[in-house]
Amino acid sequence: KYYVDVNKLVVMGDSSGGTMTAALCLLARDGLVPMPKGQMLLYPSVDMRYNTESMKEYRDVPVINSEAIDSYRKIVRTDWSEGNKYYLSPAEAESFKGFCKTYVETAQFDPLHDEGVAYAKSLKAAGVPVILNETRGTVHSFDMAANSSILEAALKKRIAFLNEIFKDE
């Protein structure tokens, strides 16, 4: 209907959008939708277990801190028996075999930092090609600093990832 070639899609999400991006790839792994060519997650929220060091450490940082995340996650917490909990907490999935190329970007002073790093490592362990960009001196949603050299460097890495995916198109 919209002339979209589903074999040429990359999905991307930041923060809770990272949850949706990872969940969509889990749905694809489970055969419910086509697997995208790539996924890009920026400071993603992918683990509802709350047990990382960064979640404990960054309770009062600017923009998003773990206290705010606690309140957000209480809103979306549901009865795990209602469906596949991995779609809400993708890091808990048993397998990432068959996932598409992935770019994960984390912010240094972000309660979600360790979730992003662990997710990238889990994907790599499953044989998924992964680029992990751990930005330094940054907080959650550092993209708001439109003219920063840190954002400029991050954008170059994001574009390089996309160019790599679509180089043969």
N, C-alpha and C. Protein backbone atom coordinates (compact mmCIF):
# COMPACT_ATOMS: atom_id res chain seq x y z
N LYS A 1 0.82 -1.20 0.00
CA LYS A 1 0.00 0.00 0.00
C LYS A 1 0.87 1.26 0.00
N TYR A 2 1.93 1.28 0.81
CA TYR A 2 2.76 2.47 0.92
C TYR A 2 4.07 2.34 0.15
N TYR A 3 4.24 1.24 -0.58
CA TYR A 3 5.44 0.98 -1.37
C TYR A 3 6.70 0.99 -0.50
N VAL A 4 6.61 0.42 0.67
CA VAL A 4 7.74 0.29 1.58
C VAL A 4 8.32 -1.10 1.40
N ASP A 5 9.62 -1.15 1.15
CA ASP A 5 10.30 -2.44 1.05
C ASP A 5 10.74 -2.83 2.45
N VAL A 6 10.03 -3.76 3.05
CA VAL A 6 10.31 -4.16 4.44
C VAL A 6 11.70 -4.78 4.58
N ASN A 7 12.32 -5.15 3.48
CA ASN A 7 13.67 -5.70 3.53
C ASN A 7 14.74 -4.63 3.56
N LYS A 8 14.32 -3.36 3.56
CA LYS A 8 15.27 -2.25 3.58
C LYS A 8 15.02 -1.30 4.75
N LEU A 9 14.48 -1.82 5.83
CA LEU A 9 14.16 -0.99 6.98
C LEU A 9 15.20 -1.13 8.09
N VAL A 10 15.45 -0.01 8.76
CA VAL A 10 16.21 0.00 10.01
C VAL A 10 15.27 0.59 11.04
N VAL A 11 15.20 -0.02 12.21
CA VAL A 11 14.36 0.51 13.28
C VAL A 11 15.26 1.21 14.29
N MET A 12 14.74 2.27 14.87
CA MET A 12 15.54 3.07 15.79
C MET A 12 14.67 3.59 16.91
N GLY A 13 15.22 3.61 18.11
CA GLY A 13 14.51 4.20 19.23
C GLY A 13 15.48 4.67 20.30
N ASP A 14 15.09 5.72 20.97
CA ASP A 14 15.90 6.18 22.09
C ASP A 14 15.11 6.03 23.37
N SER A 15 15.82 5.70 24.45
CA SER A 15 15.23 5.53 25.76
C SER A 15 14.15 4.44 25.72
N SER A 16 12.91 4.77 26.05
CA SER A 16 11.86 3.74 25.99
C SER A 16 11.58 3.32 24.56
N GLY A 17 11.93 4.16 23.60
CA GLY A 17 11.85 3.76 22.20
C GLY A 17 12.82 2.63 21.90
N GLY A 18 13.90 2.54 22.68
CA GLY A 18 14.81 1.42 22.57
C GLY A 18 14.15 0.12 22.98
N THR A 19 13.25 0.20 23.96
CA THR A 19 12.47 -0.98 24.35
C THR A 19 11.65 -1.46 23.17
N MET A 20 10.97 -0.53 22.52
CA MET A 20 10.11 -0.88 21.39
C MET A 20 10.93 -1.41 20.21
N THR A 21 12.09 -0.82 19.98
CA THR A 21 12.96 -1.27 18.90
C THR A 21 13.42 -2.70 19.15
N ALA A 22 13.92 -2.97 20.34
CA ALA A 22 14.37 -4.32 20.68
C ALA A 22 13.21 -5.31 20.67
N ALA A 23 12.05 -4.88 21.15
CA ALA A 23 10.87 -5.77 21.16
C ALA A 23 10.45 -6.12 19.73
N LEU A 24 10.53 -5.13 18.83
CA LEU A 24 10.17 -5.41 17.45
C LEU A 24 11.12 -6.46 16.86
N CYS A 25 12.40 -6.38 17.19
CA CYS A 25 13.35 -7.39 16.70
C CYS A 25 13.08 -8.75 17.33
N LEU A 26 12.61 -8.77 18.56
CA LEU A 26 12.20 -10.05 19.16
C LEU A 26 10.98 -10.61 18.44
N LEU A 27 10.04 -9.75 18.10
CA LEU A 27 8.87 -10.19 17.33
C LEU A 27 9.31 -10.76 15.98
N ALA A 28 10.30 -10.12 15.38
CA ALA A 28 10.83 -10.62 14.10
C ALA A 28 11.53 -11.96 14.29
N ARG A 29 12.31 -12.07 15.35
CA ARG A 29 12.97 -13.34 15.65
C ARG A 29 11.94 -14.45 15.82
N ASP A 30 10.80 -14.09 16.40
CA ASP A 30 9.74 -15.06 16.65
C ASP A 30 8.86 -15.29 15.41
N GLY A 31 9.22 -14.65 14.29
CA GLY A 31 8.52 -14.88 13.03
C GLY A 31 7.23 -14.12 12.87
N LEU A 32 6.98 -13.10 13.69
CA LEU A 32 5.71 -12.38 13.63
C LEU A 32 5.74 -11.18 12.69
N VAL A 33 6.93 -10.66 12.43
CA VAL A 33 7.13 -9.55 11.48
C VAL A 33 8.47 -9.79 10.79
N PRO A 34 8.73 -9.13 9.66
CA PRO A 34 10.03 -9.30 9.00
C PRO A 34 11.15 -8.70 9.86
N MET A 35 12.33 -9.33 9.82
CA MET A 35 13.48 -8.80 10.55
C MET A 35 14.01 -7.58 9.79
N PRO A 36 14.19 -6.46 10.49
CA PRO A 36 14.77 -5.29 9.81
C PRO A 36 16.24 -5.53 9.46
N LYS A 37 16.79 -4.68 8.62
CA LYS A 37 18.21 -4.80 8.26
C LYS A 37 19.10 -4.39 9.44
N GLY A 38 18.58 -3.56 10.31
CA GLY A 38 19.37 -3.11 11.45
C GLY A 38 18.49 -2.52 12.52
N GLN A 39 19.08 -2.43 13.71
CA GLN A 39 18.40 -1.72 14.80
C GLN A 39 19.40 -0.76 15.42
N MET A 40 18.90 0.43 15.77
CA MET A 40 19.73 1.45 16.39
C MET A 40 19.05 1.86 17.69
N LEU A 41 19.76 1.66 18.79
CA LEU A 41 19.21 1.98 20.11
C LEU A 41 20.09 3.04 20.77
N LEU A 42 19.49 4.16 21.15
CA LEU A 42 20.20 5.24 21.81
C LEU A 42 19.77 5.30 23.27
N TYR A 43 20.74 5.20 24.15
CA TYR A 43 20.52 5.12 25.60
C TYR A 43 19.22 4.37 25.90
N PRO A 44 19.21 3.07 25.52
CA PRO A 44 17.96 2.30 25.60
C PRO A 44 17.59 1.82 27.00
N SER A 45 16.30 1.70 27.19
CA SER A 45 15.72 1.06 28.36
C SER A 45 15.30 -0.34 27.94
N VAL A 46 16.07 -1.34 28.33
CA VAL A 46 15.81 -2.70 27.84
C VAL A 46 15.74 -3.76 28.94
N ASP A 47 15.81 -3.34 30.21
CA ASP A 47 15.85 -4.34 31.28
C ASP A 47 15.04 -3.87 32.48
N MET A 48 13.91 -4.53 32.71
CA MET A 48 13.01 -4.13 33.80
C MET A 48 13.43 -4.67 35.17
N ARG A 49 14.59 -5.28 35.27
CA ARG A 49 14.99 -5.87 36.55
C ARG A 49 15.62 -4.89 37.53
N TYR A 50 16.00 -3.72 37.09
CA TYR A 50 16.55 -2.66 37.97
C TYR A 50 17.83 -3.05 38.72
N ASN A 51 18.62 -3.97 38.23
CA ASN A 51 19.73 -4.43 39.07
C ASN A 51 21.11 -4.02 38.57
N THR A 52 21.23 -2.92 37.86
CA THR A 52 22.54 -2.49 37.38
C THR A 52 23.17 -1.47 38.32
N GLU A 53 24.47 -1.37 38.23
CA GLU A 53 25.18 -0.38 39.06
C GLU A 53 24.80 1.04 38.65
N SER A 54 24.66 1.29 37.35
CA SER A 54 24.32 2.65 36.92
C SER A 54 22.92 3.05 37.40
N MET A 55 22.00 2.09 37.50
CA MET A 55 20.67 2.38 38.01
C MET A 55 20.74 2.79 39.49
N LYS A 56 21.63 2.16 40.22
CA LYS A 56 21.81 2.50 41.64
C LYS A 56 22.56 3.82 41.81
N GLU A 57 23.53 4.06 40.93
CA GLU A 57 24.42 5.21 41.10
C GLU A 57 23.81 6.54 40.67
N TYR A 58 23.03 6.55 39.60
CA TYR A 58 22.58 7.83 39.03
C TYR A 58 21.14 8.14 39.43
N ARG A 59 20.94 8.37 40.73
CA ARG A 59 19.61 8.66 41.26
C ARG A 59 19.26 10.14 41.15
N ASP A 60 20.27 10.99 40.92
CA ASP A 60 19.98 12.42 40.92
C ASP A 60 20.67 13.19 39.77
N VAL A 61 20.93 12.52 38.68
CA VAL A 61 21.55 13.21 37.54
C VAL A 61 20.48 13.98 36.76
N PRO A 62 20.90 14.96 35.95
CA PRO A 62 19.92 15.74 35.20
C PRO A 62 19.26 14.94 34.07
N VAL A 63 18.20 15.47 33.58
CA VAL A 63 17.35 14.99 32.49
C VAL A 63 16.55 13.78 32.94
N ILE A 64 17.16 12.60 33.00
CA ILE A 64 16.48 11.39 33.47
C ILE A 64 17.37 10.74 34.51
N ASN A 65 16.78 10.46 35.66
CA ASN A 65 17.54 9.75 36.69
C ASN A 65 16.77 8.49 37.09
N SER A 66 17.39 7.67 37.90
CA SER A 66 16.76 6.39 38.22
C SER A 66 15.47 6.55 39.02
N GLU A 67 15.33 7.63 39.78
CA GLU A 67 14.06 7.84 40.48
C GLU A 67 12.93 8.07 39.48
N ALA A 68 13.21 8.85 38.43
CA ALA A 68 12.20 9.09 37.39
C ALA A 68 11.89 7.78 36.65
N ILE A 69 12.93 7.02 36.36
CA ILE A 69 12.74 5.75 35.66
C ILE A 69 11.89 4.80 36.50
N ASP A 70 12.12 4.79 37.81
CA ASP A 70 11.28 3.97 38.70
C ASP A 70 9.81 4.32 38.52
N SER A 71 9.51 5.61 38.49
CA SER A 71 8.10 6.02 38.36
C SER A 71 7.55 5.67 36.98
N TYR A 72 8.35 5.83 35.91
CA TYR A 72 7.89 5.47 34.57
C TYR A 72 7.61 3.98 34.48
N ARG A 73 8.50 3.20 35.03
CA ARG A 73 8.36 1.75 34.91
C ARG A 73 7.19 1.21 35.72
N LYS A 74 6.82 1.90 36.78
CA LYS A 74 5.63 1.48 37.54
C LYS A 74 4.38 1.63 36.69
N ILE A 75 4.38 2.62 35.81
CA ILE A 75 3.23 2.85 34.94
C ILE A 75 3.07 1.70 33.96
N VAL A 76 4.18 1.20 33.40
CA VAL A 76 4.09 0.16 32.37
C VAL A 76 4.18 -1.26 32.92
N ARG A 77 4.52 -1.39 34.17
CA ARG A 77 4.63 -2.74 34.73
C ARG A 77 3.28 -3.43 34.62
N THR A 78 3.32 -4.66 34.25
CA THR A 78 2.10 -5.41 34.00
C THR A 78 2.25 -6.81 34.58
N ASP A 79 1.22 -7.53 34.53
CA ASP A 79 1.26 -8.93 34.95
C ASP A 79 2.03 -9.71 33.89
N TRP A 80 3.18 -10.25 34.27
CA TRP A 80 4.04 -10.95 33.32
C TRP A 80 3.31 -12.12 32.65
N SER A 81 2.28 -12.64 33.26
CA SER A 81 1.58 -13.78 32.67
C SER A 81 0.71 -13.37 31.48
N GLU A 82 0.54 -12.07 31.27
CA GLU A 82 -0.31 -11.59 30.18
C GLU A 82 0.31 -11.80 28.80
N GLY A 83 1.58 -12.10 28.73
CA GLY A 83 2.24 -12.28 27.44
C GLY A 83 3.72 -12.50 27.63
N ASN A 84 4.46 -12.39 26.56
CA ASN A 84 5.89 -12.61 26.61
C ASN A 84 6.57 -11.43 27.28
N LYS A 85 7.10 -11.64 28.47
CA LYS A 85 7.73 -10.55 29.22
C LYS A 85 8.94 -9.97 28.51
N TYR A 86 9.51 -10.73 27.58
CA TYR A 86 10.70 -10.25 26.89
C TYR A 86 10.40 -9.08 25.97
N TYR A 87 9.16 -8.92 25.57
CA TYR A 87 8.82 -7.77 24.76
C TYR A 87 8.82 -6.49 25.59
N LEU A 88 8.64 -6.59 26.88
CA LEU A 88 8.70 -5.45 27.78
C LEU A 88 10.09 -5.28 28.38
N SER A 89 10.81 -6.37 28.52
CA SER A 89 12.16 -6.36 29.09
C SER A 89 13.07 -7.19 28.18
N PRO A 90 13.40 -6.65 27.00
CA PRO A 90 14.12 -7.42 25.99
C PRO A 90 15.43 -8.04 26.46
N ALA A 91 16.12 -7.42 27.38
CA ALA A 91 17.40 -7.96 27.85
C ALA A 91 17.25 -9.33 28.49
N GLU A 92 16.04 -9.68 28.90
CA GLU A 92 15.82 -10.97 29.56
C GLU A 92 15.53 -12.11 28.57
N ALA A 93 15.52 -11.82 27.28
CA ALA A 93 15.26 -12.87 26.30
C ALA A 93 16.32 -13.97 26.38
N GLU A 94 15.90 -15.21 26.11
CA GLU A 94 16.85 -16.33 26.20
C GLU A 94 17.80 -16.35 25.02
N SER A 95 17.39 -15.79 23.89
CA SER A 95 18.22 -15.88 22.69
C SER A 95 18.06 -14.65 21.81
N PHE A 96 19.17 -14.27 21.20
CA PHE A 96 19.17 -13.19 20.22
C PHE A 96 19.67 -13.70 18.87
N LYS A 97 19.71 -14.99 18.71
CA LYS A 97 20.15 -15.60 17.45
C LYS A 97 19.29 -15.09 16.31
N GLY A 98 19.93 -14.73 15.22
CA GLY A 98 19.20 -14.28 14.05
C GLY A 98 18.86 -12.80 14.05
N PHE A 99 19.29 -12.07 15.07
CA PHE A 99 19.02 -10.63 15.11
C PHE A 99 19.81 -9.91 14.02
N CYS A 100 19.34 -8.75 13.66
CA CYS A 100 19.99 -7.92 12.66
C CYS A 100 21.17 -7.15 13.26
N LYS A 101 21.96 -6.53 12.38
CA LYS A 101 23.07 -5.68 12.83
C LYS A 101 22.52 -4.63 13.79
N THR A 102 23.33 -4.32 14.79
CA THR A 102 22.84 -3.45 15.86
C THR A 102 23.86 -2.37 16.22
N TYR A 103 23.34 -1.19 16.49
CA TYR A 103 24.12 -0.07 17.01
C TYR A 103 23.50 0.31 18.35
N VAL A 104 24.31 0.30 19.40
CA VAL A 104 23.84 0.70 20.74
C VAL A 104 24.70 1.86 21.19
N GLU A 105 24.04 2.93 21.62
CA GLU A 105 24.76 4.11 22.12
C GLU A 105 24.31 4.37 23.55
N THR A 106 25.27 4.57 24.43
CA THR A 106 24.96 4.84 25.83
C THR A 106 25.50 6.20 26.24
N ALA A 107 24.94 6.72 27.30
CA ALA A 107 25.42 7.96 27.90
C ALA A 107 26.11 7.61 29.22
N GLN A 108 27.21 8.26 29.51
CA GLN A 108 28.02 7.90 30.67
C GLN A 108 27.28 8.05 32.00
N PHE A 109 26.64 9.18 32.21
CA PHE A 109 25.99 9.46 33.49
C PHE A 109 24.48 9.23 33.37
N ASP A 110 24.13 8.03 33.01
CA ASP A 110 22.74 7.67 32.73
C ASP A 110 22.42 6.39 33.48
N PRO A 111 21.31 6.35 34.21
CA PRO A 111 20.95 5.11 34.89
C PRO A 111 20.76 3.93 33.94
N LEU A 112 20.51 4.20 32.66
CA LEU A 112 20.32 3.13 31.68
C LEU A 112 21.63 2.68 31.02
N HIS A 113 22.74 3.30 31.38
CA HIS A 113 24.03 2.99 30.76
C HIS A 113 24.33 1.50 30.76
N ASP A 114 24.30 0.88 31.93
CA ASP A 114 24.70 -0.52 32.04
C ASP A 114 23.76 -1.47 31.31
N GLU A 115 22.47 -1.11 31.23
CA GLU A 115 21.52 -1.92 30.45
C GLU A 115 21.92 -1.97 28.99
N GLY A 116 22.29 -0.81 28.45
CA GLY A 116 22.69 -0.75 27.05
C GLY A 116 23.94 -1.56 26.78
N VAL A 117 24.92 -1.44 27.67
CA VAL A 117 26.17 -2.19 27.51
C VAL A 117 25.90 -3.69 27.59
N ALA A 118 25.12 -4.11 28.57
CA ALA A 118 24.82 -5.54 28.74
C ALA A 118 24.04 -6.08 27.55
N TYR A 119 23.11 -5.30 27.03
CA TYR A 119 22.33 -5.72 25.86
C TYR A 119 23.26 -5.93 24.67
N ALA A 120 24.16 -4.98 24.44
CA ALA A 120 25.11 -5.11 23.33
C ALA A 120 25.98 -6.36 23.50
N LYS A 121 26.44 -6.61 24.71
CA LYS A 121 27.27 -7.80 24.96
C LYS A 121 26.48 -9.09 24.74
N SER A 122 25.22 -9.10 25.13
CA SER A 122 24.38 -10.29 24.92
C SER A 122 24.19 -10.56 23.43
N LEU A 123 23.98 -9.50 22.66
CA LEU A 123 23.83 -9.66 21.22
C LEU A 123 25.13 -10.19 20.61
N LYS A 124 26.26 -9.60 21.00
CA LYS A 124 27.55 -10.06 20.48
C LYS A 124 27.78 -11.53 20.80
N ALA A 125 27.44 -11.93 22.02
CA ALA A 125 27.61 -13.33 22.43
C ALA A 125 26.76 -14.27 21.58
N ALA A 126 25.67 -13.74 21.02
CA ALA A 126 24.80 -14.55 20.15
C ALA A 126 25.25 -14.49 18.69
N GLY A 127 26.36 -13.81 18.43
CA GLY A 127 26.88 -13.74 17.08
C GLY A 127 26.33 -12.61 16.23
N VAL A 128 25.65 -11.67 16.87
CA VAL A 128 25.07 -10.53 16.16
C VAL A 128 26.15 -9.46 15.99
N PRO A 129 26.31 -8.90 14.78
CA PRO A 129 27.25 -7.79 14.61
C PRO A 129 26.75 -6.57 15.37
N VAL A 130 27.57 -6.05 16.28
CA VAL A 130 27.15 -4.95 17.15
C VAL A 130 28.23 -3.87 17.19
N ILE A 131 27.78 -2.63 17.14
CA ILE A 131 28.64 -1.50 17.42
C ILE A 131 28.14 -0.91 18.72
N LEU A 132 29.03 -0.77 19.70
CA LEU A 132 28.68 -0.15 20.98
C LEU A 132 29.44 1.16 21.07
N ASN A 133 28.71 2.25 21.17
CA ASN A 133 29.30 3.58 21.32
C ASN A 133 28.96 4.10 22.70
N GLU A 134 29.92 4.03 23.59
CA GLU A 134 29.74 4.55 24.95
C GLU A 134 30.23 5.99 25.00
N THR A 135 29.32 6.93 24.88
CA THR A 135 29.71 8.34 24.88
C THR A 135 30.14 8.74 26.28
N ARG A 136 31.08 9.66 26.36
CA ARG A 136 31.65 10.11 27.64
C ARG A 136 31.22 11.54 27.93
N GLY A 137 31.06 11.83 29.22
CA GLY A 137 30.68 13.17 29.65
C GLY A 137 29.25 13.52 29.31
N THR A 138 28.41 12.51 29.12
CA THR A 138 27.04 12.72 28.65
C THR A 138 26.01 12.23 29.66
N VAL A 139 24.82 12.78 29.53
CA VAL A 139 23.66 12.33 30.30
C VAL A 139 22.61 11.85 29.31
N HIS A 140 21.57 11.23 29.84
CA HIS A 140 20.46 10.75 29.03
C HIS A 140 19.93 11.88 28.15
N SER A 141 19.64 11.60 26.90
CA SER A 141 19.11 12.58 25.94
C SER A 141 20.11 13.70 25.64
N PHE A 142 21.40 13.36 25.65
CA PHE A 142 22.42 14.39 25.37
C PHE A 142 22.27 14.99 23.98
N ASP A 143 21.44 14.40 23.14
CA ASP A 143 21.19 14.92 21.80
C ASP A 143 20.62 16.34 21.84
N MET A 144 20.09 16.74 22.97
CA MET A 144 19.50 18.07 23.09
C MET A 144 20.55 19.17 22.93
N ALA A 145 21.81 18.84 23.18
CA ALA A 145 22.90 19.81 23.03
C ALA A 145 23.29 19.86 21.56
N ALA A 146 22.49 20.55 20.78
CA ALA A 146 22.58 20.49 19.32
C ALA A 146 23.94 20.85 18.74
N ASN A 147 24.67 21.71 19.35
CA ASN A 147 25.93 22.15 18.77
C ASN A 147 27.15 21.59 19.48
N SER A 148 27.00 20.47 20.16
CA SER A 148 28.14 19.94 20.91
C SER A 148 29.00 19.04 20.03
N SER A 149 30.29 19.02 20.33
CA SER A 149 31.21 18.15 19.60
C SER A 149 30.93 16.68 19.91
N ILE A 150 30.41 16.40 21.10
CA ILE A 150 30.07 15.02 21.46
C ILE A 150 28.92 14.52 20.58
N LEU A 151 27.90 15.35 20.40
CA LEU A 151 26.79 14.96 19.53
C LEU A 151 27.26 14.83 18.09
N GLU A 152 28.09 15.72 17.64
CA GLU A 152 28.61 15.64 16.27
C GLU A 152 29.33 14.31 16.05
N ALA A 153 30.16 13.91 17.00
CA ALA A 153 30.88 12.62 16.88
C ALA A 153 29.90 11.45 16.90
N ALA A 154 28.88 11.52 17.75
CA ALA A 154 27.88 10.45 17.83
C ALA A 154 27.10 10.35 16.52
N LEU A 155 26.73 11.48 15.95
CA LEU A 155 26.00 11.48 14.68
C LEU A 155 26.83 10.85 13.57
N LYS A 156 28.11 11.13 13.56
CA LYS A 156 28.99 10.52 12.54
C LYS A 156 29.00 9.00 12.69
N LYS A 157 29.02 8.50 13.91
CA LYS A 157 29.01 7.05 14.13
C LYS A 157 27.67 6.44 13.74
N ARG A 158 26.59 7.14 14.03
CA ARG A 158 25.26 6.64 13.64
C ARG A 158 25.15 6.57 12.12
N ILE A 159 25.60 7.62 11.46
CA ILE A 159 25.53 7.65 9.99
C ILE A 159 26.42 6.57 9.39
N ALA A 160 27.59 6.36 9.96
CA ALA A 160 28.50 5.30 9.46
C ALA A 160 27.82 3.94 9.58
N PHE A 161 27.12 3.70 10.67
CA PHE A 161 26.38 2.44 10.85
C PHE A 161 25.34 2.27 9.75
N LEU A 162 24.57 3.31 9.51
CA LEU A 162 23.53 3.24 8.47
C LEU A 162 24.15 3.06 7.09
N ASN A 163 25.24 3.77 6.83
CA ASN A 163 25.91 3.62 5.54
C ASN A 163 26.42 2.21 5.35
N GLU A 164 26.91 1.59 6.40
CA GLU A 164 27.38 0.21 6.32
C GLU A 164 26.24 -0.74 5.99
N ILE A 165 25.12 -0.53 6.61
CA ILE A 165 23.96 -1.39 6.35
C ILE A 165 23.48 -1.28 4.91
N PHE A 166 23.46 -0.06 4.41
CA PHE A 166 22.88 0.17 3.08
C PHE A 166 23.94 0.29 1.97
N LYS A 167 25.17 -0.09 2.24
CA LYS A 167 26.24 0.09 1.25
C LYS A 167 25.99 -0.68 -0.04
N ASP A 168 25.31 -1.79 0.02
CA ASP A 168 25.08 -2.61 -1.18
C ASP A 168 23.73 -2.32 -1.83
N GLU A 169 23.02 -1.34 -1.35
CA GLU A 169 21.67 -1.04 -1.90
C GLU A 169 21.77 -0.16 -3.12
